[in-house]
Amino acid sequence: MVAYDKVLAVNYNLCQSLLRGMNKHDYKGLESILNKRCPNETSTYLRTSLKTLRKYLPYTQNSFNYSYNNDRIDRIEWINNKIKVLNRVAYGYGNFMLYKNRIILDSNLKLVEKTAKKTNKNKTRSKVA
């Protein structure tokens, strides 16, 4: 199909070269593709996309250099949503510890042991004169 239409071939090849550069995290290659003059056959939608990619090129470089992603944030949002749904379904709990334990149970979280209680039991009180 690409061989039959020159406009389709130009747009397809440009799009594929952009995808290759992004998948390989090749910033220099991506930058060179974006800084080239667009052929006249390039569609207006692709031109708009190229303009947007040029605008956010420094941020794209940061995403190539650092492996930070939103997985942790999505997990936190999921837990918050789960707690809100639990609160609606339960119509409130009479005891906060039961509510907390239900959240931990539903979210598959690990219960963190408080070491402060253990250390307070071992301390002896000294009387102030």
N, C-alpha and C. Protein backbone atom coordinates (compact mmCIF):
# COMPACT_ATOMS: atom_id res chain seq x y z
N MET A 1 0.81 -1.19 0.00
CA MET A 1 0.00 0.00 0.00
C MET A 1 0.86 1.26 0.00
N VAL A 2 1.96 1.20 0.75
CA VAL A 2 2.83 2.37 0.84
C VAL A 2 3.45 2.69 -0.52
N ALA A 3 3.72 1.68 -1.31
CA ALA A 3 4.35 1.88 -2.62
C ALA A 3 3.42 2.58 -3.62
N TYR A 4 2.11 2.47 -3.41
CA TYR A 4 1.16 3.05 -4.36
C TYR A 4 0.90 4.54 -4.14
N ASP A 5 1.09 5.01 -2.92
CA ASP A 5 0.75 6.41 -2.61
C ASP A 5 1.95 7.09 -1.97
N LYS A 6 2.45 8.15 -2.60
CA LYS A 6 3.63 8.85 -2.10
C LYS A 6 3.33 9.57 -0.78
N VAL A 7 2.15 10.15 -0.65
CA VAL A 7 1.77 10.86 0.58
C VAL A 7 1.73 9.88 1.76
N LEU A 8 1.12 8.74 1.54
CA LEU A 8 1.06 7.72 2.58
C LEU A 8 2.46 7.25 2.95
N ALA A 9 3.31 7.06 1.96
CA ALA A 9 4.68 6.59 2.21
C ALA A 9 5.46 7.59 3.06
N VAL A 10 5.35 8.87 2.74
CA VAL A 10 6.08 9.91 3.49
C VAL A 10 5.60 9.95 4.93
N ASN A 11 4.30 9.97 5.15
CA ASN A 11 3.75 10.02 6.50
C ASN A 11 4.07 8.75 7.30
N TYR A 12 3.95 7.60 6.64
CA TYR A 12 4.22 6.33 7.31
C TYR A 12 5.69 6.24 7.73
N ASN A 13 6.59 6.56 6.83
CA ASN A 13 8.03 6.47 7.14
C ASN A 13 8.43 7.45 8.23
N LEU A 14 7.88 8.64 8.21
CA LEU A 14 8.18 9.63 9.25
C LEU A 14 7.68 9.16 10.61
N CYS A 15 6.47 8.64 10.61
CA CYS A 15 5.89 8.14 11.86
C CYS A 15 6.69 6.95 12.40
N GLN A 16 7.09 6.04 11.54
CA GLN A 16 7.85 4.87 11.97
C GLN A 16 9.24 5.26 12.48
N SER A 17 9.86 6.25 11.88
CA SER A 17 11.17 6.69 12.36
C SER A 17 11.05 7.35 13.74
N LEU A 18 9.96 8.07 13.97
CA LEU A 18 9.72 8.64 15.30
C LEU A 18 9.52 7.54 16.34
N LEU A 19 8.73 6.56 15.99
CA LEU A 19 8.49 5.44 16.91
C LEU A 19 9.77 4.67 17.21
N ARG A 20 10.60 4.44 16.21
CA ARG A 20 11.87 3.74 16.43
C ARG A 20 12.76 4.53 17.39
N GLY A 21 12.85 5.84 17.18
CA GLY A 21 13.66 6.68 18.06
C GLY A 21 13.18 6.66 19.49
N MET A 22 11.87 6.67 19.68
CA MET A 22 11.32 6.65 21.04
C MET A 22 11.50 5.29 21.70
N ASN A 23 11.27 4.23 20.95
CA ASN A 23 11.42 2.89 21.52
C ASN A 23 12.86 2.56 21.89
N LYS A 24 13.81 3.09 21.14
CA LYS A 24 15.23 2.85 21.42
C LYS A 24 15.82 3.88 22.38
N HIS A 25 15.02 4.84 22.81
CA HIS A 25 15.47 5.94 23.69
C HIS A 25 16.66 6.67 23.07
N ASP A 26 16.57 6.89 21.79
CA ASP A 26 17.63 7.57 21.04
C ASP A 26 17.27 9.05 20.91
N TYR A 27 17.77 9.85 21.85
CA TYR A 27 17.42 11.27 21.88
C TYR A 27 18.00 12.00 20.68
N LYS A 28 19.25 11.73 20.34
CA LYS A 28 19.90 12.43 19.22
C LYS A 28 19.17 12.14 17.91
N GLY A 29 18.82 10.88 17.69
CA GLY A 29 18.09 10.51 16.49
C GLY A 29 16.72 11.16 16.43
N LEU A 30 16.03 11.18 17.56
CA LEU A 30 14.72 11.80 17.64
C LEU A 30 14.82 13.31 17.39
N GLU A 31 15.84 13.91 17.97
CA GLU A 31 16.05 15.35 17.79
C GLU A 31 16.33 15.68 16.33
N SER A 32 17.14 14.86 15.68
CA SER A 32 17.45 15.13 14.27
C SER A 32 16.22 14.96 13.38
N ILE A 33 15.37 13.99 13.69
CA ILE A 33 14.14 13.80 12.92
C ILE A 33 13.21 15.00 13.10
N LEU A 34 13.09 15.48 14.34
CA LEU A 34 12.18 16.59 14.62
C LEU A 34 12.68 17.92 14.05
N ASN A 35 14.00 18.08 13.97
CA ASN A 35 14.55 19.34 13.48
C ASN A 35 14.64 19.41 11.95
N LYS A 36 14.42 18.29 11.27
CA LYS A 36 14.42 18.29 9.81
C LYS A 36 13.18 19.02 9.30
N ARG A 37 13.30 19.59 8.14
CA ARG A 37 12.15 20.24 7.50
C ARG A 37 11.18 19.16 7.02
N CYS A 38 9.90 19.37 7.29
CA CYS A 38 8.88 18.41 6.89
C CYS A 38 8.67 18.45 5.39
N PRO A 39 8.52 17.30 4.76
CA PRO A 39 8.16 17.29 3.34
C PRO A 39 6.77 17.89 3.13
N ASN A 40 6.53 18.38 1.94
CA ASN A 40 5.22 19.00 1.64
C ASN A 40 4.08 18.00 1.75
N GLU A 41 4.36 16.72 1.60
CA GLU A 41 3.31 15.70 1.64
C GLU A 41 2.87 15.34 3.05
N THR A 42 3.55 15.86 4.05
CA THR A 42 3.22 15.52 5.44
C THR A 42 1.83 16.05 5.77
N SER A 43 1.04 15.20 6.42
CA SER A 43 -0.34 15.59 6.75
C SER A 43 -0.34 16.66 7.85
N THR A 44 -1.43 17.39 7.93
CA THR A 44 -1.54 18.46 8.94
C THR A 44 -1.57 17.89 10.34
N TYR A 45 -2.15 16.71 10.51
CA TYR A 45 -2.20 16.08 11.83
C TYR A 45 -0.79 15.69 12.29
N LEU A 46 -0.01 15.15 11.37
CA LEU A 46 1.36 14.78 11.71
C LEU A 46 2.21 16.01 11.96
N ARG A 47 1.98 17.07 11.23
CA ARG A 47 2.70 18.33 11.46
C ARG A 47 2.41 18.86 12.87
N THR A 48 1.15 18.79 13.28
CA THR A 48 0.78 19.23 14.63
C THR A 48 1.47 18.37 15.68
N SER A 49 1.51 17.08 15.44
CA SER A 49 2.19 16.16 16.38
C SER A 49 3.68 16.47 16.46
N LEU A 50 4.30 16.74 15.33
CA LEU A 50 5.73 17.07 15.31
C LEU A 50 6.00 18.37 16.06
N LYS A 51 5.12 19.33 15.91
CA LYS A 51 5.25 20.61 16.61
C LYS A 51 5.17 20.40 18.13
N THR A 52 4.24 19.57 18.54
CA THR A 52 4.10 19.25 19.97
C THR A 52 5.32 18.52 20.48
N LEU A 53 5.83 17.56 19.73
CA LEU A 53 7.03 16.82 20.14
C LEU A 53 8.24 17.75 20.24
N ARG A 54 8.36 18.70 19.32
CA ARG A 54 9.46 19.68 19.40
C ARG A 54 9.35 20.52 20.67
N LYS A 55 8.12 20.89 21.00
CA LYS A 55 7.88 21.73 22.18
C LYS A 55 8.31 21.00 23.47
N TYR A 56 8.04 19.71 23.54
CA TYR A 56 8.33 18.94 24.75
C TYR A 56 9.59 18.09 24.62
N LEU A 57 10.47 18.45 23.71
CA LEU A 57 11.69 17.66 23.49
C LEU A 57 12.59 17.58 24.72
N PRO A 58 12.81 18.66 25.50
CA PRO A 58 13.64 18.53 26.70
C PRO A 58 13.05 17.56 27.73
N TYR A 59 11.74 17.55 27.83
CA TYR A 59 11.10 16.64 28.78
C TYR A 59 11.21 15.19 28.30
N THR A 60 11.20 15.03 26.99
CA THR A 60 11.39 13.70 26.42
C THR A 60 12.78 13.19 26.74
N GLN A 61 13.76 14.08 26.68
CA GLN A 61 15.13 13.68 27.03
C GLN A 61 15.19 13.24 28.49
N ASN A 62 14.51 13.95 29.37
CA ASN A 62 14.49 13.55 30.78
C ASN A 62 13.84 12.18 30.95
N SER A 63 12.80 11.91 30.19
CA SER A 63 12.15 10.61 30.33
C SER A 63 13.05 9.49 29.81
N PHE A 64 13.94 9.80 28.87
CA PHE A 64 14.89 8.79 28.40
C PHE A 64 15.99 8.56 29.44
N ASN A 65 16.41 9.62 30.13
CA ASN A 65 17.51 9.52 31.08
C ASN A 65 17.11 8.91 32.42
N TYR A 66 15.88 9.14 32.85
CA TYR A 66 15.44 8.68 34.17
C TYR A 66 14.33 7.66 34.01
N SER A 67 14.33 6.67 34.88
CA SER A 67 13.34 5.60 34.75
C SER A 67 12.14 5.82 35.66
N TYR A 68 11.92 7.05 36.11
CA TYR A 68 10.78 7.32 36.97
C TYR A 68 9.48 7.21 36.18
N ASN A 69 8.48 6.59 36.78
CA ASN A 69 7.18 6.47 36.13
C ASN A 69 6.07 6.64 37.15
N ASN A 70 4.84 6.53 36.72
CA ASN A 70 3.70 6.79 37.58
C ASN A 70 3.12 5.54 38.22
N ASP A 71 3.82 4.43 38.21
CA ASP A 71 3.27 3.21 38.78
C ASP A 71 2.94 3.37 40.26
N ARG A 72 3.83 4.00 41.00
CA ARG A 72 3.61 4.17 42.44
C ARG A 72 2.43 5.09 42.70
N ILE A 73 2.31 6.16 41.92
CA ILE A 73 1.20 7.09 42.09
C ILE A 73 -0.12 6.41 41.77
N ASP A 74 -0.14 5.60 40.73
CA ASP A 74 -1.36 4.88 40.38
C ASP A 74 -1.76 3.93 41.50
N ARG A 75 -0.80 3.29 42.13
CA ARG A 75 -1.09 2.37 43.24
C ARG A 75 -1.69 3.14 44.41
N ILE A 76 -1.14 4.32 44.72
CA ILE A 76 -1.66 5.11 45.83
C ILE A 76 -3.08 5.57 45.53
N GLU A 77 -3.33 6.01 44.30
CA GLU A 77 -4.68 6.43 43.92
C GLU A 77 -5.65 5.25 44.01
N TRP A 78 -5.18 4.06 43.65
CA TRP A 78 -6.02 2.88 43.73
C TRP A 78 -6.40 2.59 45.18
N ILE A 79 -5.42 2.70 46.09
CA ILE A 79 -5.68 2.45 47.51
C ILE A 79 -6.65 3.49 48.06
N ASN A 80 -6.46 4.77 47.71
CA ASN A 80 -7.37 5.81 48.18
C ASN A 80 -8.79 5.57 47.69
N ASN A 81 -8.94 5.18 46.44
CA ASN A 81 -10.26 4.89 45.91
C ASN A 81 -10.89 3.70 46.64
N LYS A 82 -10.08 2.69 46.92
CA LYS A 82 -10.56 1.50 47.64
C LYS A 82 -11.06 1.88 49.03
N ILE A 83 -10.35 2.77 49.71
CA ILE A 83 -10.74 3.21 51.04
C ILE A 83 -12.07 3.98 50.97
N LYS A 84 -12.23 4.85 49.97
CA LYS A 84 -13.47 5.61 49.84
C LYS A 84 -14.66 4.70 49.57
N VAL A 85 -14.46 3.69 48.73
CA VAL A 85 -15.53 2.74 48.44
C VAL A 85 -15.88 1.95 49.70
N LEU A 86 -14.88 1.53 50.43
CA LEU A 86 -15.10 0.79 51.68
C LEU A 86 -15.87 1.64 52.68
N ASN A 87 -15.55 2.91 52.76
CA ASN A 87 -16.23 3.82 53.67
C ASN A 87 -17.70 3.99 53.28
N ARG A 88 -17.99 4.07 51.97
CA ARG A 88 -19.37 4.20 51.52
C ARG A 88 -20.17 2.93 51.80
N VAL A 89 -19.55 1.80 51.57
CA VAL A 89 -20.24 0.52 51.73
C VAL A 89 -20.51 0.23 53.20
N ALA A 90 -19.56 0.57 54.06
CA ALA A 90 -19.66 0.22 55.47
C ALA A 90 -20.52 1.20 56.26
N TYR A 91 -20.80 2.38 55.73
CA TYR A 91 -21.53 3.43 56.44
C TYR A 91 -20.85 3.78 57.76
N GLY A 92 -19.54 3.71 57.78
CA GLY A 92 -18.78 4.07 58.98
C GLY A 92 -18.56 2.87 59.88
N TYR A 93 -17.51 2.93 60.66
CA TYR A 93 -17.19 1.88 61.61
C TYR A 93 -17.27 2.47 63.01
N GLY A 94 -17.65 1.66 63.97
CA GLY A 94 -17.72 2.12 65.35
C GLY A 94 -16.36 2.23 65.99
N ASN A 95 -15.41 1.48 65.49
CA ASN A 95 -14.08 1.44 66.08
C ASN A 95 -13.06 1.71 64.97
N PHE A 96 -12.16 2.64 65.18
CA PHE A 96 -11.18 2.99 64.16
C PHE A 96 -10.24 1.83 63.86
N MET A 97 -9.88 1.05 64.86
CA MET A 97 -8.95 -0.07 64.64
C MET A 97 -9.58 -1.12 63.72
N LEU A 98 -10.89 -1.36 63.85
CA LEU A 98 -11.56 -2.29 62.95
C LEU A 98 -11.54 -1.76 61.52
N TYR A 99 -11.78 -0.46 61.40
CA TYR A 99 -11.76 0.19 60.08
C TYR A 99 -10.38 0.10 59.46
N LYS A 100 -9.34 0.37 60.24
CA LYS A 100 -7.96 0.30 59.77
C LYS A 100 -7.60 -1.12 59.35
N ASN A 101 -7.99 -2.10 60.15
CA ASN A 101 -7.69 -3.50 59.83
C ASN A 101 -8.41 -3.94 58.56
N ARG A 102 -9.62 -3.44 58.35
CA ARG A 102 -10.36 -3.79 57.13
C ARG A 102 -9.67 -3.20 55.89
N ILE A 103 -9.17 -1.97 56.02
CA ILE A 103 -8.44 -1.34 54.91
C ILE A 103 -7.19 -2.14 54.59
N ILE A 104 -6.45 -2.53 55.60
CA ILE A 104 -5.23 -3.30 55.41
C ILE A 104 -5.55 -4.66 54.78
N LEU A 105 -6.61 -5.28 55.24
CA LEU A 105 -7.02 -6.58 54.71
C LEU A 105 -7.44 -6.47 53.24
N ASP A 106 -8.24 -5.47 52.92
CA ASP A 106 -8.73 -5.32 51.55
C ASP A 106 -7.63 -4.89 50.58
N SER A 107 -6.67 -4.12 51.05
CA SER A 107 -5.62 -3.59 50.17
C SER A 107 -4.38 -4.47 50.10
N ASN A 108 -4.37 -5.56 50.83
CA ASN A 108 -3.21 -6.45 50.89
C ASN A 108 -1.96 -5.71 51.33
N LEU A 109 -2.11 -4.82 52.28
CA LEU A 109 -0.97 -4.08 52.80
C LEU A 109 -0.37 -4.84 53.97
N LYS A 110 0.88 -4.55 54.26
CA LYS A 110 1.53 -5.18 55.40
C LYS A 110 1.34 -4.30 56.62
N LEU A 111 1.01 -4.92 57.72
CA LEU A 111 0.83 -4.20 58.97
C LEU A 111 2.20 -3.85 59.53
N VAL A 112 2.43 -2.58 59.79
CA VAL A 112 3.71 -2.13 60.31
C VAL A 112 3.64 -2.13 61.83
N GLU A 113 4.57 -2.84 62.45
CA GLU A 113 4.59 -2.91 63.89
C GLU A 113 5.18 -1.64 64.45
N LYS A 114 4.56 -1.11 65.45
CA LYS A 114 5.06 0.13 66.04
C LYS A 114 6.13 -0.23 67.07
N THR A 115 7.34 0.25 66.83
CA THR A 115 8.44 -0.03 67.75
C THR A 115 8.41 0.93 68.92
N ALA A 116 7.69 2.02 68.79
CA ALA A 116 7.64 3.00 69.88
C ALA A 116 6.99 2.41 71.12
N LYS A 117 5.96 1.59 70.95
CA LYS A 117 5.30 0.98 72.10
C LYS A 117 6.24 0.02 72.83
N LYS A 118 7.05 -0.71 72.08
CA LYS A 118 7.98 -1.64 72.69
C LYS A 118 9.05 -0.91 73.49
N THR A 119 9.56 0.18 72.95
CA THR A 119 10.61 0.89 73.65
C THR A 119 10.07 1.62 74.87
N ASN A 120 8.82 2.06 74.84
CA ASN A 120 8.24 2.75 76.00
C ASN A 120 8.04 1.80 77.17
N LYS A 121 7.75 0.55 76.91
CA LYS A 121 7.57 -0.43 77.98
C LYS A 121 8.88 -0.71 78.70
N ASN A 122 9.98 -0.67 77.99
CA ASN A 122 11.27 -0.99 78.58
C ASN A 122 11.88 0.17 79.33
N LYS A 123 11.43 1.40 79.07
CA LYS A 123 11.99 2.56 79.74
C LYS A 123 11.46 2.66 81.16
N THR A 124 12.30 3.10 82.06
CA THR A 124 11.86 3.34 83.42
C THR A 124 11.70 4.83 83.61
N ARG A 125 10.69 5.19 84.36
CA ARG A 125 10.44 6.60 84.61
C ARG A 125 11.31 7.09 85.74
N SER A 126 11.85 8.27 85.53
CA SER A 126 12.64 8.86 86.62
C SER A 126 11.82 10.02 87.17
N LYS A 127 11.83 10.12 88.48
CA LYS A 127 11.06 11.16 89.14
C LYS A 127 11.88 12.44 89.16
N VAL A 128 11.20 13.52 88.85
CA VAL A 128 11.85 14.82 88.87
C VAL A 128 11.61 15.44 90.24
N ALA A 129 12.68 15.96 90.83
CA ALA A 129 12.58 16.51 92.16
C ALA A 129 12.00 17.89 92.18
